[in-house]
Amino acid sequence: MGRIAGTLREKLSAAFQPDELEIEDDSARHAGHAGAAPGGESHFNIRIRAAAFAGQSRVARQRMVYRVLAEELAGPVHALSLTALAPEEARSQSVGSERGNSK
């Protein structure tokens, strides 16, 4: 796991105490595109399941995550695909089923 992915994991874990947290560096798929950084860690897919999302809309959940990751989204992270689930929601939903672009 790279430095930026590690920072994303630390911040999300501290803020939400998730039951599930998957972070995938998807930068290789975006090589040559705008915002792609040499060496990766510019495009991520995140799947997070936490009690903090219970009763929140999809947009509210995304905003909660974006607030926690504001520094990274303003700098090294160009794009983020986010799936944010409450504990009771199906575990079978795939990473990237809810899309949110940081820029």
N, C-alpha and C. Protein backbone atom coordinates (compact mmCIF):
# COMPACT_ATOMS: atom_id res chain seq x y z
N MET A 1 0.85 -1.17 0.00
CA MET A 1 0.00 0.00 0.00
C MET A 1 0.90 1.23 0.00
N GLY A 2 0.54 2.17 -0.87
CA GLY A 2 1.31 3.40 -0.99
C GLY A 2 1.02 4.38 0.15
N ARG A 3 1.80 5.45 0.15
CA ARG A 3 1.69 6.46 1.20
C ARG A 3 0.32 7.13 1.21
N ILE A 4 -0.19 7.50 0.05
CA ILE A 4 -1.48 8.19 0.00
C ILE A 4 -2.61 7.23 0.38
N ALA A 5 -2.57 6.02 -0.13
CA ALA A 5 -3.58 5.02 0.24
C ALA A 5 -3.56 4.77 1.74
N GLY A 6 -2.37 4.74 2.33
CA GLY A 6 -2.25 4.56 3.77
C GLY A 6 -2.88 5.71 4.54
N THR A 7 -2.68 6.93 4.04
CA THR A 7 -3.28 8.10 4.67
C THR A 7 -4.81 8.05 4.56
N LEU A 8 -5.32 7.65 3.40
CA LEU A 8 -6.77 7.53 3.22
C LEU A 8 -7.32 6.52 4.23
N ARG A 9 -6.65 5.38 4.37
CA ARG A 9 -7.09 4.33 5.30
C ARG A 9 -7.08 4.85 6.75
N GLU A 10 -6.02 5.52 7.14
CA GLU A 10 -5.91 6.05 8.51
C GLU A 10 -7.03 7.04 8.80
N LYS A 11 -7.24 7.99 7.90
CA LYS A 11 -8.25 9.03 8.13
C LYS A 11 -9.66 8.46 8.16
N LEU A 12 -9.97 7.58 7.21
CA LEU A 12 -11.32 6.99 7.17
C LEU A 12 -11.56 6.08 8.37
N SER A 13 -10.56 5.33 8.77
CA SER A 13 -10.70 4.46 9.94
C SER A 13 -10.94 5.27 11.20
N ALA A 14 -10.19 6.35 11.37
CA ALA A 14 -10.33 7.19 12.56
C ALA A 14 -11.68 7.89 12.59
N ALA A 15 -12.15 8.35 11.45
CA ALA A 15 -13.39 9.14 11.39
C ALA A 15 -14.64 8.28 11.50
N PHE A 16 -14.61 7.07 10.94
CA PHE A 16 -15.84 6.29 10.82
C PHE A 16 -15.83 4.92 11.51
N GLN A 17 -14.68 4.45 11.98
CA GLN A 17 -14.58 3.11 12.58
C GLN A 17 -15.37 2.10 11.75
N PRO A 18 -15.00 1.95 10.47
CA PRO A 18 -15.80 1.12 9.57
C PRO A 18 -15.74 -0.37 9.88
N ASP A 19 -16.84 -1.06 9.54
CA ASP A 19 -16.89 -2.52 9.61
C ASP A 19 -16.13 -3.10 8.42
N GLU A 20 -16.09 -2.34 7.35
CA GLU A 20 -15.43 -2.77 6.11
C GLU A 20 -14.81 -1.55 5.46
N LEU A 21 -13.59 -1.70 4.98
CA LEU A 21 -12.93 -0.61 4.26
C LEU A 21 -12.00 -1.22 3.22
N GLU A 22 -12.32 -0.97 1.96
CA GLU A 22 -11.50 -1.42 0.84
C GLU A 22 -11.02 -0.19 0.09
N ILE A 23 -9.73 -0.12 -0.15
CA ILE A 23 -9.15 0.99 -0.90
C ILE A 23 -8.34 0.40 -2.04
N GLU A 24 -8.73 0.75 -3.25
CA GLU A 24 -8.06 0.23 -4.45
C GLU A 24 -7.48 1.39 -5.24
N ASP A 25 -6.18 1.33 -5.50
CA ASP A 25 -5.53 2.32 -6.35
C ASP A 25 -5.84 1.95 -7.80
N ASP A 26 -6.63 2.78 -8.45
CA ASP A 26 -7.07 2.52 -9.82
C ASP A 26 -6.32 3.40 -10.81
N SER A 27 -5.21 3.97 -10.40
CA SER A 27 -4.48 4.94 -11.21
C SER A 27 -3.95 4.36 -12.52
N ALA A 28 -3.56 3.11 -12.52
CA ALA A 28 -2.98 2.51 -13.72
C ALA A 28 -3.97 2.56 -14.89
N ARG A 29 -5.25 2.43 -14.59
CA ARG A 29 -6.27 2.49 -15.63
C ARG A 29 -6.40 3.88 -16.24
N HIS A 30 -5.87 4.89 -15.56
CA HIS A 30 -6.02 6.28 -16.00
C HIS A 30 -4.71 6.89 -16.47
N ALA A 31 -3.70 6.07 -16.66
CA ALA A 31 -2.39 6.57 -17.12
C ALA A 31 -2.57 7.35 -18.42
N GLY A 32 -1.96 8.51 -18.47
CA GLY A 32 -2.06 9.36 -19.65
C GLY A 32 -3.25 10.30 -19.65
N HIS A 33 -4.18 10.11 -18.73
CA HIS A 33 -5.35 10.99 -18.63
C HIS A 33 -5.02 12.20 -17.76
N ALA A 34 -5.83 13.21 -17.85
CA ALA A 34 -5.66 14.40 -17.01
C ALA A 34 -5.71 14.00 -15.54
N GLY A 35 -4.80 14.53 -14.77
CA GLY A 35 -4.77 14.27 -13.33
C GLY A 35 -4.04 13.02 -12.93
N ALA A 36 -3.64 12.19 -13.89
CA ALA A 36 -2.91 10.96 -13.56
C ALA A 36 -1.48 11.32 -13.17
N ALA A 37 -1.06 10.83 -12.03
CA ALA A 37 0.28 11.12 -11.54
C ALA A 37 1.23 9.98 -11.89
N PRO A 38 2.45 10.31 -12.26
CA PRO A 38 3.44 9.25 -12.47
C PRO A 38 3.60 8.46 -11.17
N GLY A 39 3.59 7.16 -11.26
CA GLY A 39 3.72 6.36 -10.05
C GLY A 39 2.40 6.04 -9.38
N GLY A 40 1.29 6.56 -9.90
CA GLY A 40 -0.02 6.20 -9.37
C GLY A 40 -0.46 7.03 -8.18
N GLU A 41 -1.40 6.47 -7.44
CA GLU A 41 -2.01 7.09 -6.26
C GLU A 41 -2.69 8.42 -6.56
N SER A 42 -3.38 8.47 -7.71
CA SER A 42 -4.14 9.67 -8.05
C SER A 42 -5.62 9.36 -8.24
N HIS A 43 -5.95 8.09 -8.50
CA HIS A 43 -7.33 7.65 -8.72
C HIS A 43 -7.61 6.45 -7.80
N PHE A 44 -8.68 6.54 -7.03
CA PHE A 44 -8.98 5.49 -6.07
C PHE A 44 -10.44 5.05 -6.13
N ASN A 45 -10.65 3.78 -5.84
CA ASN A 45 -11.98 3.23 -5.59
C ASN A 45 -12.02 2.90 -4.10
N ILE A 46 -13.04 3.39 -3.41
CA ILE A 46 -13.18 3.13 -1.97
C ILE A 46 -14.55 2.56 -1.70
N ARG A 47 -14.57 1.50 -0.92
CA ARG A 47 -15.81 0.91 -0.41
C ARG A 47 -15.69 0.94 1.11
N ILE A 48 -16.66 1.59 1.75
CA ILE A 48 -16.64 1.72 3.20
C ILE A 48 -18.04 1.44 3.74
N ARG A 49 -18.10 0.64 4.80
CA ARG A 49 -19.37 0.33 5.46
C ARG A 49 -19.20 0.69 6.93
N ALA A 50 -20.05 1.62 7.40
CA ALA A 50 -19.91 2.11 8.77
C ALA A 50 -21.26 2.56 9.33
N ALA A 51 -21.40 2.43 10.63
CA ALA A 51 -22.62 2.84 11.32
C ALA A 51 -22.89 4.33 11.15
N ALA A 52 -21.86 5.11 10.95
CA ALA A 52 -22.02 6.56 10.79
C ALA A 52 -22.88 6.92 9.58
N PHE A 53 -23.02 6.00 8.63
CA PHE A 53 -23.80 6.27 7.42
C PHE A 53 -25.27 5.89 7.55
N ALA A 54 -25.64 5.26 8.63
CA ALA A 54 -27.03 4.83 8.81
C ALA A 54 -27.95 6.06 8.79
N GLY A 55 -29.01 5.97 8.01
CA GLY A 55 -29.99 7.04 7.93
C GLY A 55 -29.57 8.23 7.07
N GLN A 56 -28.39 8.16 6.46
CA GLN A 56 -27.89 9.26 5.63
C GLN A 56 -28.13 8.93 4.16
N SER A 57 -28.41 9.94 3.37
CA SER A 57 -28.56 9.76 1.92
C SER A 57 -27.20 9.48 1.30
N ARG A 58 -27.20 9.01 0.07
CA ARG A 58 -25.95 8.75 -0.65
C ARG A 58 -25.11 10.02 -0.74
N VAL A 59 -25.75 11.13 -1.06
CA VAL A 59 -25.03 12.41 -1.18
C VAL A 59 -24.45 12.83 0.17
N ALA A 60 -25.21 12.68 1.25
CA ALA A 60 -24.72 13.04 2.58
C ALA A 60 -23.52 12.17 2.96
N ARG A 61 -23.56 10.90 2.63
CA ARG A 61 -22.45 10.00 2.92
C ARG A 61 -21.20 10.43 2.16
N GLN A 62 -21.38 10.77 0.88
CA GLN A 62 -20.24 11.23 0.09
C GLN A 62 -19.65 12.50 0.69
N ARG A 63 -20.50 13.41 1.08
CA ARG A 63 -20.01 14.67 1.68
C ARG A 63 -19.25 14.40 2.98
N MET A 64 -19.72 13.44 3.76
CA MET A 64 -19.03 13.09 5.01
C MET A 64 -17.61 12.60 4.71
N VAL A 65 -17.49 11.74 3.72
CA VAL A 65 -16.17 11.20 3.34
C VAL A 65 -15.30 12.31 2.76
N TYR A 66 -15.87 13.13 1.88
CA TYR A 66 -15.10 14.21 1.26
C TYR A 66 -14.56 15.20 2.29
N ARG A 67 -15.34 15.47 3.34
CA ARG A 67 -14.85 16.37 4.40
C ARG A 67 -13.62 15.78 5.08
N VAL A 68 -13.66 14.49 5.35
CA VAL A 68 -12.54 13.82 6.03
C VAL A 68 -11.30 13.81 5.13
N LEU A 69 -11.51 13.67 3.82
CA LEU A 69 -10.39 13.56 2.88
C LEU A 69 -10.12 14.86 2.12
N ALA A 70 -10.57 15.98 2.63
CA ALA A 70 -10.48 17.26 1.93
C ALA A 70 -9.05 17.59 1.50
N GLU A 71 -8.10 17.37 2.35
CA GLU A 71 -6.70 17.70 2.04
C GLU A 71 -6.19 16.86 0.86
N GLU A 72 -6.50 15.59 0.87
CA GLU A 72 -6.05 14.70 -0.20
C GLU A 72 -6.77 15.01 -1.52
N LEU A 73 -8.05 15.32 -1.43
CA LEU A 73 -8.82 15.64 -2.63
C LEU A 73 -8.40 16.98 -3.23
N ALA A 74 -7.84 17.86 -2.43
CA ALA A 74 -7.35 19.15 -2.92
C ALA A 74 -5.95 19.02 -3.51
N GLY A 75 -5.31 17.88 -3.28
CA GLY A 75 -3.94 17.72 -3.74
C GLY A 75 -3.73 16.49 -4.58
N PRO A 76 -3.18 15.46 -3.98
CA PRO A 76 -2.71 14.32 -4.79
C PRO A 76 -3.81 13.43 -5.37
N VAL A 77 -5.00 13.41 -4.78
CA VAL A 77 -6.06 12.53 -5.28
C VAL A 77 -6.89 13.29 -6.32
N HIS A 78 -6.85 12.80 -7.54
CA HIS A 78 -7.57 13.46 -8.63
C HIS A 78 -9.02 13.00 -8.72
N ALA A 79 -9.25 11.70 -8.48
CA ALA A 79 -10.61 11.16 -8.62
C ALA A 79 -10.84 10.06 -7.60
N LEU A 80 -12.09 10.01 -7.14
CA LEU A 80 -12.47 9.04 -6.12
C LEU A 80 -13.81 8.43 -6.50
N SER A 81 -13.84 7.12 -6.62
CA SER A 81 -15.09 6.38 -6.81
C SER A 81 -15.45 5.83 -5.44
N LEU A 82 -16.64 6.15 -4.96
CA LEU A 82 -16.97 5.87 -3.58
C LEU A 82 -18.26 5.06 -3.45
N THR A 83 -18.20 4.02 -2.67
CA THR A 83 -19.38 3.28 -2.24
C THR A 83 -19.39 3.36 -0.72
N ALA A 84 -20.36 4.07 -0.16
CA ALA A 84 -20.47 4.24 1.29
C ALA A 84 -21.78 3.62 1.75
N LEU A 85 -21.68 2.60 2.60
CA LEU A 85 -22.83 1.83 3.02
C LEU A 85 -23.02 1.86 4.53
N ALA A 86 -24.27 1.74 4.96
CA ALA A 86 -24.58 1.53 6.37
C ALA A 86 -24.45 0.04 6.65
N PRO A 87 -24.27 -0.36 7.92
CA PRO A 87 -24.04 -1.78 8.24
C PRO A 87 -25.10 -2.73 7.71
N GLU A 88 -26.36 -2.30 7.69
CA GLU A 88 -27.43 -3.21 7.28
C GLU A 88 -27.53 -3.38 5.76
N GLU A 89 -26.77 -2.59 5.02
CA GLU A 89 -26.86 -2.68 3.56
C GLU A 89 -26.05 -3.87 3.04
N ALA A 90 -26.48 -4.35 1.90
CA ALA A 90 -25.91 -5.58 1.31
C ALA A 90 -24.41 -5.48 1.14
N ARG A 91 -23.74 -6.55 1.53
CA ARG A 91 -22.29 -6.64 1.35
C ARG A 91 -21.92 -6.92 -0.09
N SER A 92 -22.89 -7.30 -0.89
CA SER A 92 -22.59 -7.71 -2.26
C SER A 92 -22.47 -6.55 -3.24
N GLN A 93 -22.77 -5.33 -2.81
CA GLN A 93 -22.63 -4.20 -3.72
C GLN A 93 -21.16 -4.01 -4.04
N SER A 94 -20.85 -3.75 -5.29
CA SER A 94 -19.45 -3.71 -5.72
C SER A 94 -18.83 -2.33 -5.52
N VAL A 95 -17.50 -2.32 -5.42
CA VAL A 95 -16.74 -1.07 -5.34
C VAL A 95 -17.02 -0.29 -6.61
N GLY A 96 -17.26 1.02 -6.44
CA GLY A 96 -17.47 1.88 -7.59
C GLY A 96 -18.91 1.96 -8.05
N SER A 97 -19.85 1.36 -7.33
CA SER A 97 -21.24 1.43 -7.78
C SER A 97 -21.84 2.80 -7.55
N GLU A 98 -21.26 3.56 -6.64
CA GLU A 98 -21.65 4.96 -6.45
C GLU A 98 -20.46 5.78 -6.87
N ARG A 99 -20.63 6.66 -7.82
CA ARG A 99 -19.52 7.42 -8.36
C ARG A 99 -19.54 8.84 -7.82
N GLY A 100 -18.36 9.31 -7.47
CA GLY A 100 -18.20 10.70 -7.07
C GLY A 100 -16.83 11.15 -7.50
N ASN A 101 -16.73 12.22 -8.23
CA ASN A 101 -15.45 12.72 -8.67
C ASN A 101 -15.06 13.89 -7.81
N SER A 102 -13.81 13.90 -7.43
CA SER A 102 -13.34 14.93 -6.52
C SER A 102 -13.08 16.24 -7.22
N LYS A 103 -12.83 16.22 -8.50
CA LYS A 103 -12.52 17.46 -9.21
C LYS A 103 -13.26 17.49 -10.52
